[in-house]
Amino acid sequence: PDQGPQVTDGGDVDAVAGGLVEDDLAHGRLEGQAALGPDQRRTLQEAWPSFSTGTKRSLVITLAEIAESDVDADFGAVFRLALDDGDDAVRLAALEGLWEDEDETLVPPLVRLLNSDPSTNVRAAAAVSLGRFARAGELEELNPKAAAVVRDALLEAIRSQEQDVEVR
């Protein structure tokens, strides 16, 4: 059976990753993919640091577009991995990809991004994402402890003179 491109010793991991994305898009395979399985997530997590910034951007942006048009698509594991990337465009695209994720385990990474990300755009997007959780907290659809963390983080950002206006 064809297992697709393989990375061997001395192989160009970035080229393989880019090729997989392009090949999968060309053949419509990513659109039909509802989520990554555990093995796929583990492989991606191990290979992620070796991908170029361009490949990471392409992958995250493409998956975010698919998730936006296909309500059954769930690439949250990729987006969560990308939240810790060194490139602000990758982190921003990851936040956009997580726009429907209501899992309260997302609160701590969002608070971290709000408080300490070097990019104003990423901090502002994290604040918007936390706003969804604040609303869920007001509607008692969120664990009270998580709701308090969200409320405190957003109030601190609003009151902080060190935060950019776009974030407040």
N, C-alpha and C. Protein backbone atom coordinates (compact mmCIF):
# COMPACT_ATOMS: atom_id res chain seq x y z
N PRO A 1 0.83 -1.19 0.00
CA PRO A 1 0.00 0.00 0.00
C PRO A 1 0.87 1.25 0.00
N ASP A 2 0.41 2.28 -0.72
CA ASP A 2 1.14 3.54 -0.78
C ASP A 2 0.97 4.28 0.53
N GLN A 3 2.10 4.58 1.18
CA GLN A 3 2.06 5.28 2.46
C GLN A 3 2.41 6.74 2.29
N GLY A 4 2.54 7.23 1.07
CA GLY A 4 2.86 8.62 0.83
C GLY A 4 4.33 8.88 1.04
N PRO A 5 4.72 10.15 1.02
CA PRO A 5 6.12 10.50 1.17
C PRO A 5 6.66 10.05 2.52
N GLN A 6 7.86 9.55 2.53
CA GLN A 6 8.49 9.08 3.74
C GLN A 6 9.74 9.91 4.02
N VAL A 7 10.01 10.16 5.29
CA VAL A 7 11.23 10.85 5.68
C VAL A 7 12.26 9.79 6.03
N THR A 8 13.39 9.88 5.38
CA THR A 8 14.47 8.95 5.68
C THR A 8 15.64 9.76 6.20
N ASP A 9 16.68 9.09 6.65
CA ASP A 9 17.86 9.80 7.12
C ASP A 9 18.31 10.76 6.04
N GLY A 10 18.50 12.02 6.44
CA GLY A 10 18.94 13.02 5.49
C GLY A 10 17.79 13.58 4.67
N GLY A 11 16.55 13.10 4.89
CA GLY A 11 15.41 13.59 4.13
C GLY A 11 15.06 15.00 4.55
N ASP A 12 14.44 15.72 3.67
CA ASP A 12 14.02 17.08 3.93
C ASP A 12 12.61 17.05 4.50
N VAL A 13 12.51 17.11 5.83
CA VAL A 13 11.22 17.00 6.52
C VAL A 13 10.28 18.10 6.06
N ASP A 14 10.81 19.31 5.89
CA ASP A 14 9.98 20.43 5.48
C ASP A 14 9.38 20.19 4.09
N ALA A 15 10.18 19.69 3.19
CA ALA A 15 9.69 19.40 1.84
C ALA A 15 8.60 18.33 1.88
N VAL A 16 8.81 17.33 2.72
CA VAL A 16 7.80 16.27 2.84
C VAL A 16 6.51 16.85 3.42
N ALA A 17 6.63 17.68 4.47
CA ALA A 17 5.44 18.28 5.08
C ALA A 17 4.72 19.16 4.08
N GLY A 18 5.47 20.02 3.39
CA GLY A 18 4.88 20.87 2.37
C GLY A 18 4.23 20.06 1.28
N GLY A 19 4.90 19.00 0.86
CA GLY A 19 4.36 18.13 -0.16
C GLY A 19 3.09 17.45 0.28
N LEU A 20 3.05 17.03 1.53
CA LEU A 20 1.84 16.39 2.05
C LEU A 20 0.68 17.36 2.02
N VAL A 21 0.92 18.59 2.47
CA VAL A 21 -0.16 19.57 2.47
C VAL A 21 -0.63 19.83 1.05
N GLU A 22 0.30 20.10 0.15
CA GLU A 22 -0.07 20.39 -1.23
C GLU A 22 -0.73 19.19 -1.89
N ASP A 23 -0.16 18.01 -1.67
CA ASP A 23 -0.71 16.79 -2.27
C ASP A 23 -2.11 16.50 -1.72
N ASP A 24 -2.26 16.63 -0.39
CA ASP A 24 -3.56 16.38 0.21
C ASP A 24 -4.60 17.39 -0.27
N LEU A 25 -4.20 18.66 -0.40
CA LEU A 25 -5.14 19.66 -0.90
C LEU A 25 -5.53 19.36 -2.34
N ALA A 26 -4.55 19.00 -3.14
CA ALA A 26 -4.81 18.73 -4.55
C ALA A 26 -5.76 17.55 -4.71
N HIS A 27 -5.69 16.60 -3.81
CA HIS A 27 -6.54 15.42 -3.92
C HIS A 27 -7.77 15.49 -3.01
N GLY A 28 -7.98 16.65 -2.38
CA GLY A 28 -9.17 16.82 -1.55
C GLY A 28 -9.17 16.02 -0.27
N ARG A 29 -8.01 15.50 0.12
CA ARG A 29 -7.99 14.64 1.31
C ARG A 29 -8.13 15.43 2.60
N LEU A 30 -7.61 16.63 2.69
CA LEU A 30 -7.74 17.38 3.94
C LEU A 30 -9.17 17.81 4.17
N GLU A 31 -9.90 18.16 3.09
CA GLU A 31 -11.28 18.58 3.26
C GLU A 31 -12.14 17.49 3.88
N GLY A 32 -11.87 16.25 3.57
CA GLY A 32 -12.65 15.15 4.10
C GLY A 32 -12.19 14.67 5.46
N GLN A 33 -11.07 15.21 5.93
CA GLN A 33 -10.50 14.78 7.21
C GLN A 33 -11.22 15.52 8.33
N ALA A 34 -11.92 14.80 9.18
CA ALA A 34 -12.67 15.45 10.25
C ALA A 34 -11.77 15.81 11.43
N ALA A 35 -10.75 15.03 11.68
CA ALA A 35 -9.85 15.27 12.80
C ALA A 35 -8.61 14.42 12.61
N LEU A 36 -7.59 14.76 13.36
CA LEU A 36 -6.37 13.95 13.33
C LEU A 36 -6.48 12.87 14.39
N GLY A 37 -6.04 11.68 14.04
CA GLY A 37 -6.01 10.60 15.00
C GLY A 37 -4.81 10.75 15.93
N PRO A 38 -4.75 9.95 16.98
CA PRO A 38 -3.65 10.05 17.95
C PRO A 38 -2.27 9.88 17.32
N ASP A 39 -2.13 8.94 16.39
CA ASP A 39 -0.84 8.73 15.74
C ASP A 39 -0.46 9.93 14.88
N GLN A 40 -1.44 10.49 14.18
CA GLN A 40 -1.18 11.67 13.35
C GLN A 40 -0.77 12.86 14.21
N ARG A 41 -1.46 13.05 15.34
CA ARG A 41 -1.11 14.15 16.24
C ARG A 41 0.31 13.99 16.77
N ARG A 42 0.66 12.80 17.17
CA ARG A 42 2.00 12.53 17.72
C ARG A 42 3.06 12.78 16.65
N THR A 43 2.81 12.31 15.44
CA THR A 43 3.76 12.52 14.34
C THR A 43 3.92 14.00 14.05
N LEU A 44 2.81 14.72 14.00
CA LEU A 44 2.87 16.15 13.74
C LEU A 44 3.62 16.88 14.85
N GLN A 45 3.35 16.53 16.09
CA GLN A 45 4.01 17.18 17.21
C GLN A 45 5.52 16.94 17.17
N GLU A 46 5.93 15.75 16.82
CA GLU A 46 7.36 15.45 16.73
C GLU A 46 8.02 16.18 15.57
N ALA A 47 7.31 16.31 14.46
CA ALA A 47 7.90 16.92 13.27
C ALA A 47 7.78 18.44 13.26
N TRP A 48 6.84 19.00 14.01
CA TRP A 48 6.54 20.43 13.97
C TRP A 48 7.78 21.33 14.05
N PRO A 49 8.70 21.11 14.99
CA PRO A 49 9.86 22.01 15.09
C PRO A 49 10.73 22.04 13.83
N SER A 50 10.68 20.99 13.03
CA SER A 50 11.53 20.94 11.85
C SER A 50 10.87 21.59 10.62
N PHE A 51 9.60 21.96 10.71
CA PHE A 51 8.92 22.60 9.58
C PHE A 51 9.37 24.05 9.47
N SER A 52 9.43 24.55 8.25
CA SER A 52 9.74 25.97 8.07
C SER A 52 8.53 26.79 8.50
N THR A 53 8.77 28.06 8.74
CA THR A 53 7.68 28.96 9.11
C THR A 53 6.63 29.00 8.01
N GLY A 54 7.07 29.01 6.76
CA GLY A 54 6.11 29.05 5.64
C GLY A 54 5.22 27.82 5.62
N THR A 55 5.78 26.66 5.87
CA THR A 55 4.99 25.43 5.89
C THR A 55 4.00 25.46 7.04
N LYS A 56 4.45 25.90 8.20
CA LYS A 56 3.53 25.98 9.35
C LYS A 56 2.38 26.94 9.06
N ARG A 57 2.72 28.10 8.50
CA ARG A 57 1.67 29.07 8.16
C ARG A 57 0.67 28.46 7.18
N SER A 58 1.17 27.84 6.13
CA SER A 58 0.29 27.24 5.12
C SER A 58 -0.61 26.19 5.74
N LEU A 59 -0.03 25.34 6.55
CA LEU A 59 -0.80 24.26 7.16
C LEU A 59 -1.89 24.80 8.07
N VAL A 60 -1.53 25.71 8.97
CA VAL A 60 -2.50 26.22 9.94
C VAL A 60 -3.59 27.04 9.24
N ILE A 61 -3.21 27.88 8.30
CA ILE A 61 -4.19 28.68 7.58
C ILE A 61 -5.13 27.80 6.78
N THR A 62 -4.59 26.80 6.10
CA THR A 62 -5.41 25.89 5.30
C THR A 62 -6.39 25.12 6.18
N LEU A 63 -5.90 24.59 7.30
CA LEU A 63 -6.79 23.84 8.19
C LEU A 63 -7.85 24.75 8.80
N ALA A 64 -7.50 26.00 9.11
CA ALA A 64 -8.48 26.95 9.64
C ALA A 64 -9.57 27.23 8.61
N GLU A 65 -9.18 27.36 7.35
CA GLU A 65 -10.17 27.59 6.28
C GLU A 65 -11.09 26.39 6.12
N ILE A 66 -10.51 25.20 6.19
CA ILE A 66 -11.33 23.98 6.08
C ILE A 66 -12.31 23.90 7.26
N ALA A 67 -11.79 24.16 8.47
CA ALA A 67 -12.64 24.09 9.66
C ALA A 67 -13.77 25.12 9.61
N GLU A 68 -13.50 26.26 9.00
CA GLU A 68 -14.53 27.30 8.89
C GLU A 68 -15.64 26.88 7.94
N SER A 69 -15.29 26.16 6.89
CA SER A 69 -16.30 25.77 5.91
C SER A 69 -16.93 24.40 6.19
N ASP A 70 -16.32 23.62 7.06
CA ASP A 70 -16.83 22.28 7.37
C ASP A 70 -17.01 22.17 8.88
N VAL A 71 -18.25 22.25 9.33
CA VAL A 71 -18.51 22.25 10.78
C VAL A 71 -18.08 20.97 11.47
N ASP A 72 -17.91 19.89 10.73
CA ASP A 72 -17.48 18.63 11.33
C ASP A 72 -15.96 18.53 11.46
N ALA A 73 -15.24 19.42 10.80
CA ALA A 73 -13.77 19.37 10.84
C ALA A 73 -13.28 19.84 12.21
N ASP A 74 -12.34 19.11 12.76
CA ASP A 74 -11.78 19.47 14.06
C ASP A 74 -10.27 19.27 14.01
N PHE A 75 -9.57 20.36 13.83
CA PHE A 75 -8.12 20.33 13.82
C PHE A 75 -7.56 21.03 15.05
N GLY A 76 -8.33 20.99 16.12
CA GLY A 76 -7.94 21.66 17.36
C GLY A 76 -6.57 21.25 17.86
N ALA A 77 -6.20 19.99 17.68
CA ALA A 77 -4.88 19.54 18.15
C ALA A 77 -3.77 20.27 17.41
N VAL A 78 -3.96 20.51 16.13
CA VAL A 78 -2.96 21.24 15.34
C VAL A 78 -2.93 22.69 15.80
N PHE A 79 -4.10 23.29 15.97
CA PHE A 79 -4.17 24.69 16.37
C PHE A 79 -3.57 24.89 17.76
N ARG A 80 -3.82 23.97 18.67
CA ARG A 80 -3.25 24.08 20.02
C ARG A 80 -1.73 23.97 19.97
N LEU A 81 -1.23 23.08 19.15
CA LEU A 81 0.21 22.95 18.97
C LEU A 81 0.79 24.26 18.43
N ALA A 82 0.10 24.86 17.50
CA ALA A 82 0.58 26.08 16.85
C ALA A 82 0.52 27.30 17.77
N LEU A 83 -0.25 27.24 18.86
CA LEU A 83 -0.30 28.37 19.80
C LEU A 83 1.07 28.66 20.41
N ASP A 84 1.93 27.67 20.45
CA ASP A 84 3.26 27.84 21.05
C ASP A 84 4.35 28.09 20.01
N ASP A 85 3.96 28.29 18.77
CA ASP A 85 4.95 28.49 17.72
C ASP A 85 5.64 29.84 17.88
N GLY A 86 6.85 29.93 17.36
CA GLY A 86 7.63 31.15 17.46
C GLY A 86 7.19 32.25 16.50
N ASP A 87 6.33 31.94 15.55
CA ASP A 87 5.90 32.92 14.56
C ASP A 87 4.53 33.47 14.93
N ASP A 88 4.41 34.79 14.98
CA ASP A 88 3.13 35.38 15.39
C ASP A 88 2.01 35.11 14.39
N ALA A 89 2.31 35.01 13.10
CA ALA A 89 1.27 34.71 12.11
C ALA A 89 0.72 33.30 12.30
N VAL A 90 1.57 32.38 12.70
CA VAL A 90 1.13 31.00 12.97
C VAL A 90 0.24 30.99 14.20
N ARG A 91 0.66 31.70 15.26
CA ARG A 91 -0.15 31.75 16.49
C ARG A 91 -1.49 32.41 16.22
N LEU A 92 -1.49 33.48 15.44
CA LEU A 92 -2.73 34.18 15.12
C LEU A 92 -3.68 33.29 14.31
N ALA A 93 -3.15 32.59 13.32
CA ALA A 93 -3.97 31.66 12.53
C ALA A 93 -4.51 30.53 13.41
N ALA A 94 -3.71 30.09 14.37
CA ALA A 94 -4.16 29.04 15.29
C ALA A 94 -5.34 29.54 16.12
N LEU A 95 -5.25 30.77 16.60
CA LEU A 95 -6.36 31.34 17.37
C LEU A 95 -7.62 31.42 16.51
N GLU A 96 -7.46 31.80 15.26
CA GLU A 96 -8.61 31.86 14.36
C GLU A 96 -9.20 30.47 14.14
N GLY A 97 -8.34 29.46 14.07
CA GLY A 97 -8.81 28.10 13.90
C GLY A 97 -9.55 27.55 15.10
N LEU A 98 -9.29 28.14 16.27
CA LEU A 98 -9.91 27.68 17.51
C LEU A 98 -11.19 28.45 17.86
N TRP A 99 -11.70 29.21 16.92
CA TRP A 99 -12.82 30.10 17.21
C TRP A 99 -14.06 29.39 17.75
N GLU A 100 -14.24 28.12 17.44
CA GLU A 100 -15.41 27.38 17.95
C GLU A 100 -15.09 26.49 19.13
N ASP A 101 -13.85 26.40 19.52
CA ASP A 101 -13.44 25.50 20.59
C ASP A 101 -13.91 26.05 21.93
N GLU A 102 -14.78 25.32 22.59
CA GLU A 102 -15.35 25.75 23.86
C GLU A 102 -14.79 24.95 25.04
N ASP A 103 -13.74 24.19 24.80
CA ASP A 103 -13.14 23.38 25.85
C ASP A 103 -12.39 24.29 26.82
N GLU A 104 -12.75 24.21 28.09
CA GLU A 104 -12.15 25.12 29.07
C GLU A 104 -10.66 24.87 29.29
N THR A 105 -10.13 23.75 28.78
CA THR A 105 -8.67 23.56 28.88
C THR A 105 -7.92 24.55 27.98
N LEU A 106 -8.65 25.24 27.14
CA LEU A 106 -8.05 26.28 26.28
C LEU A 106 -7.83 27.59 27.05
N VAL A 107 -8.49 27.74 28.19
CA VAL A 107 -8.38 28.99 28.95
C VAL A 107 -6.94 29.30 29.38
N PRO A 108 -6.19 28.39 30.01
CA PRO A 108 -4.83 28.74 30.42
C PRO A 108 -3.91 29.18 29.27
N PRO A 109 -3.90 28.48 28.11
CA PRO A 109 -3.05 28.99 27.03
C PRO A 109 -3.50 30.35 26.51
N LEU A 110 -4.81 30.59 26.50
CA LEU A 110 -5.30 31.90 26.05
C LEU A 110 -4.89 33.01 27.02
N VAL A 111 -4.97 32.73 28.31
CA VAL A 111 -4.55 33.71 29.32
C VAL A 111 -3.05 33.99 29.18
N ARG A 112 -2.27 32.94 28.96
CA ARG A 112 -0.82 33.11 28.77
C ARG A 112 -0.54 33.99 27.56
N LEU A 113 -1.23 33.74 26.45
CA LEU A 113 -1.05 34.57 25.26
C LEU A 113 -1.46 36.01 25.52
N LEU A 114 -2.57 36.21 26.20
CA LEU A 114 -3.05 37.55 26.52
C LEU A 114 -2.02 38.31 27.37
N ASN A 115 -1.46 37.62 28.33
CA ASN A 115 -0.55 38.28 29.27
C ASN A 115 0.86 38.47 28.76
N SER A 116 1.32 37.59 27.89
CA SER A 116 2.76 37.64 27.61
C SER A 116 3.19 37.49 26.16
N ASP A 117 2.25 37.37 25.22
CA ASP A 117 2.69 37.23 23.83
C ASP A 117 3.32 38.54 23.36
N PRO A 118 4.43 38.45 22.63
CA PRO A 118 5.08 39.67 22.14
C PRO A 118 4.28 40.40 21.06
N SER A 119 3.35 39.73 20.40
CA SER A 119 2.58 40.32 19.32
C SER A 119 1.28 40.93 19.83
N THR A 120 1.08 42.20 19.55
CA THR A 120 -0.17 42.87 19.92
C THR A 120 -1.36 42.18 19.27
N ASN A 121 -1.23 41.79 18.00
CA ASN A 121 -2.34 41.13 17.30
C ASN A 121 -2.71 39.80 17.96
N VAL A 122 -1.73 39.05 18.39
CA VAL A 122 -2.01 37.77 19.06
C VAL A 122 -2.67 38.02 20.41
N ARG A 123 -2.16 39.00 21.16
CA ARG A 123 -2.77 39.31 22.46
C ARG A 123 -4.22 39.76 22.28
N ALA A 124 -4.48 40.58 21.26
CA ALA A 124 -5.85 41.04 20.99
C ALA A 124 -6.75 39.86 20.61
N ALA A 125 -6.27 38.97 19.77
CA ALA A 125 -7.05 37.80 19.37
C ALA A 125 -7.31 36.88 20.57
N ALA A 126 -6.33 36.76 21.46
CA ALA A 126 -6.52 35.96 22.67
C ALA A 126 -7.60 36.59 23.55
N ALA A 127 -7.61 37.92 23.64
CA ALA A 127 -8.65 38.61 24.42
C ALA A 127 -10.03 38.34 23.83
N VAL A 128 -10.14 38.41 22.51
CA VAL A 128 -11.43 38.13 21.85
C VAL A 128 -11.86 36.69 22.15
N SER A 129 -10.93 35.75 22.05
CA SER A 129 -11.25 34.35 22.34
C SER A 129 -11.69 34.17 23.79
N LEU A 130 -10.99 34.85 24.69
CA LEU A 130 -11.39 34.78 26.10
C LEU A 130 -12.77 35.39 26.32
N GLY A 131 -13.13 36.35 25.49
CA GLY A 131 -14.46 36.95 25.58
C GLY A 131 -15.57 35.93 25.39
N ARG A 132 -15.32 34.96 24.51
CA ARG A 132 -16.32 33.89 24.31
C ARG A 132 -16.51 33.10 25.60
N PHE A 133 -15.38 32.86 26.29
CA PHE A 133 -15.45 32.11 27.55
C PHE A 133 -16.10 32.95 28.65
N ALA A 134 -15.86 34.26 28.61
CA ALA A 134 -16.49 35.15 29.60
C ALA A 134 -18.00 35.10 29.44
N ARG A 135 -18.44 35.12 28.20
CA ARG A 135 -19.88 35.03 27.93
C ARG A 135 -20.44 33.70 28.43
N ALA A 136 -19.72 32.62 28.16
CA ALA A 136 -20.16 31.30 28.64
C ALA A 136 -20.21 31.28 30.16
N GLY A 137 -19.27 31.95 30.81
CA GLY A 137 -19.28 32.03 32.27
C GLY A 137 -20.49 32.78 32.78
N GLU A 138 -20.85 33.87 32.12
CA GLU A 138 -22.03 34.65 32.52
C GLU A 138 -23.31 33.83 32.35
N LEU A 139 -23.32 32.95 31.36
CA LEU A 139 -24.49 32.12 31.12
C LEU A 139 -24.44 30.82 31.94
N GLU A 140 -23.45 30.72 32.82
CA GLU A 140 -23.24 29.55 33.67
C GLU A 140 -23.03 28.27 32.87
N GLU A 141 -22.39 28.44 31.69
CA GLU A 141 -22.06 27.30 30.84
C GLU A 141 -20.59 26.93 30.97
N LEU A 142 -19.91 27.56 31.92
CA LEU A 142 -18.48 27.33 32.13
C LEU A 142 -18.25 27.10 33.61
N ASN A 143 -17.34 26.21 33.91
CA ASN A 143 -16.94 25.93 35.28
C ASN A 143 -16.67 27.27 35.98
N PRO A 144 -17.23 27.49 37.18
CA PRO A 144 -17.05 28.77 37.87
C PRO A 144 -15.58 29.17 38.09
N LYS A 145 -14.73 28.19 38.36
CA LYS A 145 -13.31 28.49 38.56
C LYS A 145 -12.68 29.01 37.26
N ALA A 146 -12.97 28.36 36.14
CA ALA A 146 -12.45 28.81 34.84
C ALA A 146 -13.03 30.17 34.49
N ALA A 147 -14.31 30.38 34.80
CA ALA A 147 -14.94 31.67 34.52
C ALA A 147 -14.26 32.79 35.30
N ALA A 148 -13.88 32.51 36.55
CA ALA A 148 -13.18 33.51 37.37
C ALA A 148 -11.81 33.83 36.79
N VAL A 149 -11.10 32.80 36.30
CA VAL A 149 -9.79 33.01 35.69
C VAL A 149 -9.92 33.91 34.46
N VAL A 150 -10.93 33.63 33.65
CA VAL A 150 -11.17 34.42 32.43
C VAL A 150 -11.50 35.86 32.80
N ARG A 151 -12.43 36.03 33.72
CA ARG A 151 -12.84 37.37 34.14
C ARG A 151 -11.65 38.16 34.68
N ASP A 152 -10.87 37.55 35.55
CA ASP A 152 -9.72 38.24 36.15
C ASP A 152 -8.68 38.62 35.09
N ALA A 153 -8.42 37.72 34.15
CA ALA A 153 -7.43 37.99 33.10
C ALA A 153 -7.89 39.14 32.21
N LEU A 154 -9.16 39.14 31.85
CA LEU A 154 -9.66 40.21 30.99
C LEU A 154 -9.71 41.55 31.73
N LEU A 155 -10.12 41.54 32.99
CA LEU A 155 -10.14 42.78 33.76
C LEU A 155 -8.73 43.34 33.95
N GLU A 156 -7.78 42.46 34.20
CA GLU A 156 -6.39 42.89 34.34
C GLU A 156 -5.89 43.52 33.04
N ALA A 157 -6.22 42.92 31.91
CA ALA A 157 -5.80 43.47 30.62
C ALA A 157 -6.43 44.83 30.37
N ILE A 158 -7.70 44.97 30.71
CA ILE A 158 -8.40 46.23 30.51
C ILE A 158 -7.79 47.34 31.36
N ARG A 159 -7.43 47.01 32.57
CA ARG A 159 -6.91 48.01 33.52
C ARG A 159 -5.43 48.32 33.32
N SER A 160 -4.73 47.46 32.63
CA SER A 160 -3.28 47.62 32.48
C SER A 160 -2.94 48.74 31.50
N GLN A 161 -2.19 49.69 31.98
CA GLN A 161 -1.72 50.77 31.11
C GLN A 161 -0.61 50.28 30.19
N GLU A 162 -0.03 49.13 30.49
CA GLU A 162 1.03 48.56 29.68
C GLU A 162 0.50 47.82 28.45
N GLN A 163 -0.78 47.46 28.48
CA GLN A 163 -1.38 46.76 27.33
C GLN A 163 -1.69 47.77 26.22
N ASP A 164 -1.50 47.35 25.01
CA ASP A 164 -1.85 48.18 23.86
C ASP A 164 -3.36 48.38 23.82
N VAL A 165 -3.79 49.47 23.24
CA VAL A 165 -5.21 49.79 23.14
C VAL A 165 -5.97 48.69 22.42
N GLU A 166 -5.37 48.09 21.39
CA GLU A 166 -6.04 47.03 20.65
C GLU A 166 -6.37 45.83 21.52
N VAL A 167 -5.57 45.62 22.55
CA VAL A 167 -5.78 44.48 23.45
C VAL A 167 -6.85 44.82 24.49
N ARG A 168 -6.83 46.05 24.96
CA ARG A 168 -7.80 46.47 25.98
C ARG A 168 -9.18 46.58 25.39
